[in-house]
C-alpha atoms as a PDB file:
ATOM      1  CA  MET A   1      21.970 -19.693  12.510  1.00  0.00           C
ATOM      2  CA  THR A   2      19.436 -19.214   9.711  1.00  0.00           C
ATOM      3  CA  GLN A   3      16.628 -19.088  12.268  1.00  0.00           C
ATOM      4  CA  GLU A   4      14.183 -21.301  10.380  1.00  0.00           C
ATOM      5  CA  ILE A   5      11.229 -22.520  12.446  1.00  0.00           C
ATOM      6  CA  LYS A   6      10.521 -26.199  11.756  1.00  0.00           C
ATOM      7  CA  ALA A   7       7.053 -27.116  13.039  1.00  0.00           C
ATOM      8  CA  GLY A   8       7.130 -30.280  15.123  1.00  0.00           C
ATOM      9  CA  ILE A   9      10.915 -30.572  14.748  1.00  0.00           C
ATOM     10  CA  GLY A  10      12.690 -27.557  16.249  1.00  0.00           C
ATOM     11  CA  LEU A  11      14.709 -24.540  15.140  1.00  0.00           C
ATOM     12  CA  ASP A  12      17.646 -24.985  12.761  1.00  0.00           C
ATOM     13  CA  SER A  13      19.914 -27.570  14.446  1.00  0.00           C
ATOM     14  CA  LEU A  14      17.876 -27.575  17.691  1.00  0.00           C
ATOM     15  CA  ARG A  15      15.609 -30.612  17.809  1.00  0.00           C
ATOM     16  CA  PHE A  16      12.804 -31.404  20.216  1.00  0.00           C
ATOM     17  CA  GLY A  17      13.883 -34.229  22.503  1.00  0.00           C
ATOM     18  CA  MET A  18      17.455 -32.932  22.931  1.00  0.00           C
ATOM     19  CA  SER A  19      19.010 -32.927  26.397  1.00  0.00           C
ATOM     20  CA  LYS A  20      19.924 -29.693  28.185  1.00  0.00           C
ATOM     21  CA  GLU A  21      23.593 -30.454  27.523  1.00  0.00           C
ATOM     22  CA  GLU A  22      23.010 -30.861  23.779  1.00  0.00           C
ATOM     23  CA  VAL A  23      21.114 -27.567  23.651  1.00  0.00           C
ATOM     24  CA  GLU A  24      23.817 -25.758  25.627  1.00  0.00           C
ATOM     25  CA  ASN A  25      26.463 -27.068  23.196  1.00  0.00           C
ATOM     26  CA  ILE A  26      24.556 -25.338  20.371  1.00  0.00           C
ATOM     27  CA  LEU A  27      23.300 -22.138  22.028  1.00  0.00           C
ATOM     28  CA  GLY A  28      25.687 -21.657  24.935  1.00  0.00           C
ATOM     29  CA  LYS A  29      24.595 -20.640  28.411  1.00  0.00           C
ATOM     30  CA  PRO A  30      21.258 -18.819  28.674  1.00  0.00           C
ATOM     31  CA  ASN A  31      20.923 -15.309  30.131  1.00  0.00           C
ATOM     32  CA  GLU A  32      18.310 -16.558  32.572  1.00  0.00           C
ATOM     33  CA  ILE A  33      16.884 -19.868  33.781  1.00  0.00           C
ATOM     34  CA  ASP A  34      13.605 -20.143  35.656  1.00  0.00           C
ATOM     35  CA  THR A  35      11.823 -23.196  36.998  1.00  0.00           C
ATOM     36  CA  HIS A  36       8.128 -23.447  37.739  1.00  0.00           C
ATOM     37  CA  THR A  37       5.424 -26.028  38.325  1.00  0.00           C
ATOM     38  CA  ASP A  38       1.819 -25.854  37.174  1.00  0.00           C
ATOM     39  CA  ASN A  39      -1.132 -26.666  39.369  1.00  0.00           C
ATOM     40  CA  ASN A  40      -0.978 -30.286  38.195  1.00  0.00           C
ATOM     41  CA  GLU A  41       1.968 -31.646  40.204  1.00  0.00           C
ATOM     42  CA  ASP A  42       1.877 -34.920  38.224  1.00  0.00           C
ATOM     43  CA  ASP A  43       3.435 -33.066  35.290  1.00  0.00           C
ATOM     44  CA  GLY A  44       6.462 -32.048  37.377  1.00  0.00           C
ATOM     45  CA  ALA A  45       8.576 -28.963  36.820  1.00  0.00           C
ATOM     46  CA  THR A  46       9.253 -26.938  33.694  1.00  0.00           C
ATOM     47  CA  GLU A  47      12.654 -25.318  33.249  1.00  0.00           C
ATOM     48  CA  SER A  48      12.762 -22.340  30.860  1.00  0.00           C
ATOM     49  CA  TRP A  49      15.947 -20.909  29.374  1.00  0.00           C
ATOM     50  CA  HIS A  50      15.967 -17.385  27.984  1.00  0.00           C
ATOM     51  CA  TYR A  51      18.424 -16.043  25.390  1.00  0.00           C
ATOM     52  CA  ASP A  52      17.809 -12.285  25.390  1.00  0.00           C
ATOM     53  CA  ASP A  53      19.994 -11.340  22.398  1.00  0.00           C
ATOM     54  CA  GLN A  54      18.241 -13.883  20.185  1.00  0.00           C
ATOM     55  CA  GLU A  55      14.745 -13.194  21.589  1.00  0.00           C
ATOM     56  CA  LEU A  56      14.485 -16.944  22.128  1.00  0.00           C
ATOM     57  CA  SER A  57      13.084 -19.000  24.999  1.00  0.00           C
ATOM     58  CA  ILE A  58      13.134 -22.772  25.289  1.00  0.00           C
ATOM     59  CA  SER A  59      11.598 -25.141  27.819  1.00  0.00           C
ATOM     60  CA  PHE A  60      12.394 -28.554  29.209  1.00  0.00           C
ATOM     61  CA  GLU A  61       9.750 -30.632  31.000  1.00  0.00           C
ATOM     62  CA  GLU A  62      10.530 -32.915  33.934  1.00  0.00           C
ATOM     63  CA  ILE A  63       7.799 -35.360  32.870  1.00  0.00           C
ATOM     64  CA  ASP A  64       9.821 -35.958  29.661  1.00  0.00           C
ATOM     65  CA  ASP A  65      13.196 -36.328  31.411  1.00  0.00           C
ATOM     66  CA  PHE A  66      13.946 -32.636  30.831  1.00  0.00           C
ATOM     67  CA  LYS A  67      14.104 -33.007  27.058  1.00  0.00           C
ATOM     68  CA  LEU A  68      13.648 -29.915  24.879  1.00  0.00           C
ATOM     69  CA  PHE A  69       9.869 -29.532  24.708  1.00  0.00           C
ATOM     70  CA  SER A  70       9.035 -26.042  23.452  1.00  0.00           C
ATOM     71  CA  ILE A  71      10.596 -23.081  21.667  1.00  0.00           C
ATOM     72  CA  ALA A  72       9.340 -19.493  21.529  1.00  0.00           C
ATOM     73  CA  VAL A  73      10.734 -16.624  19.428  1.00  0.00           C
ATOM     74  CA  SER A  74       9.848 -12.947  19.145  1.00  0.00           C
ATOM     75  CA  ASN A  75      12.445 -11.470  16.771  1.00  0.00           C
ATOM     76  CA  LYS A  76      11.397 -10.473  13.241  1.00  0.00           C
ATOM     77  CA  SER A  77      14.377 -12.338  11.742  1.00  0.00           C
ATOM     78  CA  TYR A  78      12.894 -15.794  12.454  1.00  0.00           C
ATOM     79  CA  LYS A  79      11.214 -17.448   9.479  1.00  0.00           C
ATOM     80  CA  PHE A  80       8.441 -20.015   9.180  1.00  0.00           C
ATOM     81  CA  LYS A  81       8.267 -21.753   5.797  1.00  0.00           C
ATOM     82  CA  ASN A  82      10.691 -19.084   4.543  1.00  0.00           C
ATOM     83  CA  LYS A  83       8.329 -16.244   5.587  1.00  0.00           C
ATOM     84  CA  LYS A  84       8.991 -13.587   8.209  1.00  0.00           C
ATOM     85  CA  LEU A  85       5.794 -13.406  10.261  1.00  0.00           C
ATOM     86  CA  ILE A  86       6.603 -11.526  13.491  1.00  0.00           C
ATOM     87  CA  GLY A  87       5.069  -8.064  13.281  1.00  0.00           C
ATOM     88  CA  LEU A  88       2.284  -8.984  10.843  1.00  0.00           C
ATOM     89  CA  LYS A  89      -1.255  -7.814  11.543  1.00  0.00           C
ATOM     90  CA  LYS A  90      -3.845 -10.528  12.254  1.00  0.00           C
ATOM     91  CA  LYS A  91      -5.448 -10.447   8.794  1.00  0.00           C
ATOM     92  CA  GLU A  92      -2.038 -10.619   7.047  1.00  0.00           C
ATOM     93  CA  LEU A  93      -0.907 -13.478   9.297  1.00  0.00           C
ATOM     94  CA  ILE A  94      -4.022 -15.548   8.645  1.00  0.00           C
ATOM     95  CA  GLU A  95      -3.703 -14.966   4.897  1.00  0.00           C
ATOM     96  CA  GLU A  96      -0.037 -16.084   4.967  1.00  0.00           C
ATOM     97  CA  LEU A  97      -0.824 -19.196   7.011  1.00  0.00           C
ATOM     98  CA  GLU A  98      -3.776 -20.164   4.829  1.00  0.00           C
ATOM     99  CA  ALA A  99      -1.565 -19.705   1.741  1.00  0.00           C
ATOM    100  CA  LEU A 100       0.753 -22.295   3.363  1.00  0.00           C
ATOM    101  CA  ALA A 101      -2.232 -24.708   3.467  1.00  0.00           C
ATOM    102  CA  ILE A 102      -2.592 -24.547   7.252  1.00  0.00           C
ATOM    103  CA  ASP A 103      -6.285 -25.325   7.413  1.00  0.00           C
ATOM    104  CA  ASP A 104      -6.965 -25.894  11.115  1.00  0.00           C
ATOM    105  CA  LEU A 105      -6.395 -22.399  12.549  1.00  0.00           C
ATOM    106  CA  LYS A 106      -8.317 -21.530  15.690  1.00  0.00           C
ATOM    107  CA  THR A 107      -8.428 -18.259  17.624  1.00  0.00           C
ATOM    108  CA  GLU A 108      -8.817 -17.628  21.365  1.00  0.00           C
ATOM    109  CA  ASP A 109      -9.036 -14.364  23.288  1.00  0.00           C
ATOM    110  CA  TRP A 110      -6.384 -14.306  26.036  1.00  0.00           C
ATOM    111  CA  SER A 111      -6.988 -10.741  27.152  1.00  0.00           C
ATOM    112  CA  THR A 112      -6.557  -9.904  30.826  1.00  0.00           C
ATOM    113  CA  ASP A 113      -7.105  -6.762  32.856  1.00  0.00           C
ATOM    114  CA  ASP A 114      -3.375  -6.029  32.428  1.00  0.00           C
ATOM    115  CA  ASN A 115      -3.223  -6.886  28.723  1.00  0.00           C
ATOM    116  CA  LEU A 116      -6.478  -6.292  26.877  1.00  0.00           C
ATOM    117  CA  GLY A 117      -5.175  -6.983  23.370  1.00  0.00           C
ATOM    118  CA  GLN A 118      -3.768 -10.506  23.735  1.00  0.00           C
ATOM    119  CA  GLU A 119      -5.032 -13.206  21.371  1.00  0.00           C
ATOM    120  CA  LEU A 120      -3.874 -16.682  20.412  1.00  0.00           C
ATOM    121  CA  ILE A 121      -4.062 -18.150  16.904  1.00  0.00           C
ATOM    122  CA  PHE A 122      -2.999 -21.801  16.793  1.00  0.00           C
ATOM    123  CA  SER A 123      -2.775 -24.962  14.747  1.00  0.00           C
ATOM    124  CA  GLU A 124      -3.186 -28.193  16.706  1.00  0.00           C
ATOM    125  CA  LYS A 125      -1.976 -30.291  13.753  1.00  0.00           C
ATOM    126  CA  LEU A 126       1.333 -28.400  13.685  1.00  0.00           C
ATOM    127  CA  SER A 127       1.529 -27.843  17.464  1.00  0.00           C
ATOM    128  CA  ILE A 128       2.248 -24.138  16.878  1.00  0.00           C
ATOM    129  CA  ASN A 129       0.933 -20.985  18.578  1.00  0.00           C
ATOM    130  CA  PHE A 130       0.923 -17.454  17.199  1.00  0.00           C
ATOM    131  CA  TRP A 131       0.596 -14.885  20.002  1.00  0.00           C
ATOM    132  CA  MET A 132      -0.953 -11.566  19.043  1.00  0.00           C
ATOM    133  CA  GLU A 133      -0.618  -8.344  21.036  1.00  0.00           C
ATOM    134  CA  ASP A 134      -2.785  -5.410  20.044  1.00  0.00           C
ATOM    135  CA  GLY A 135      -3.511  -7.005  16.657  1.00  0.00           C
ATOM    136  CA  GLU A 136       0.137  -7.754  15.775  1.00  0.00           C
ATOM    137  CA  LEU A 137       2.066 -11.041  15.913  1.00  0.00           C
ATOM    138  CA  SER A 138       4.539 -10.749  18.792  1.00  0.00           C
ATOM    139  CA  GLU A 139       5.633 -14.357  19.410  1.00  0.00           C
ATOM    140  CA  ILE A 140       5.645 -17.778  17.776  1.00  0.00           C
ATOM    141  CA  GLN A 141       5.723 -20.780  20.103  1.00  0.00           C
ATOM    142  CA  TRP A 142       5.833 -24.433  19.061  1.00  0.00           C
ATOM    143  CA  GLY A 143       6.551 -27.943  20.273  1.00  0.00           C
ATOM    144  CA  PRO A 144       6.811 -31.518  19.069  1.00  0.00           C
ATOM    145  CA  LEU A 145       3.880 -32.991  17.201  1.00  0.00           C
ATOM    146  CA  LEU A 146       1.383 -35.144  19.066  1.00  0.00           C
ATOM    147  CA  GLU A 147      -0.296 -38.328  17.907  1.00  0.00           C
ATOM    148  CA  ASP A 148      -4.091 -38.575  18.149  1.00  0.00           C
ATOM    149  CA  GLU A 149      -3.691 -40.366  21.486  1.00  0.00           C
ATOM    150  CA  GLY A 150      -1.697 -37.414  22.837  1.00  0.00           C
ATOM    151  CA  TYR A 151       1.710 -39.077  22.730  1.00  0.00           C
ATOM    152  CA  ILE A 152       4.691 -37.003  21.669  1.00  0.00           C
ATOM    153  CA  ILE A 153       6.288 -37.757  18.304  1.00  0.00           C
ATOM    154  CA  TRP A 154       9.979 -36.987  18.907  1.00  0.00           C
ATOM    155  CA  PRO A 155      11.789 -36.009  15.691  1.00  0.00           C
ATOM    156  CA  GLU A 156      14.436 -38.377  14.382  1.00  0.00           C
END
């Protein structure tokens, strides 16, 4: 696996909208599966699969018939637009993303009492999140693109 992040599409041969069976045929069985529901019960359950060796987590949402809905990676070998980003400092990350013509970056402080240095940098247009811990990129998380009305655009 070349481990190329494809915004709005997936990761290498993984595509958003795939069934759990299709994903398992590509990645094999996960190390861990957990299921949780948010406060909004209308959205149903989320099932997350974790692949420890690959530093990869994927999620399936009940509201979308348990299709592949999000991917998160934390290993430095993953690339976005042929660039390795995990481990970059905030200033370096923003410079790299702006050089890729990502012009809608926003930043939010996600610090808690337990984790004071957590920050989110995200692009709504690309449906991609860059999670910072103590000023360094620790995780990239992304999902399918959304239309202006909020509907999911499943990749072909």
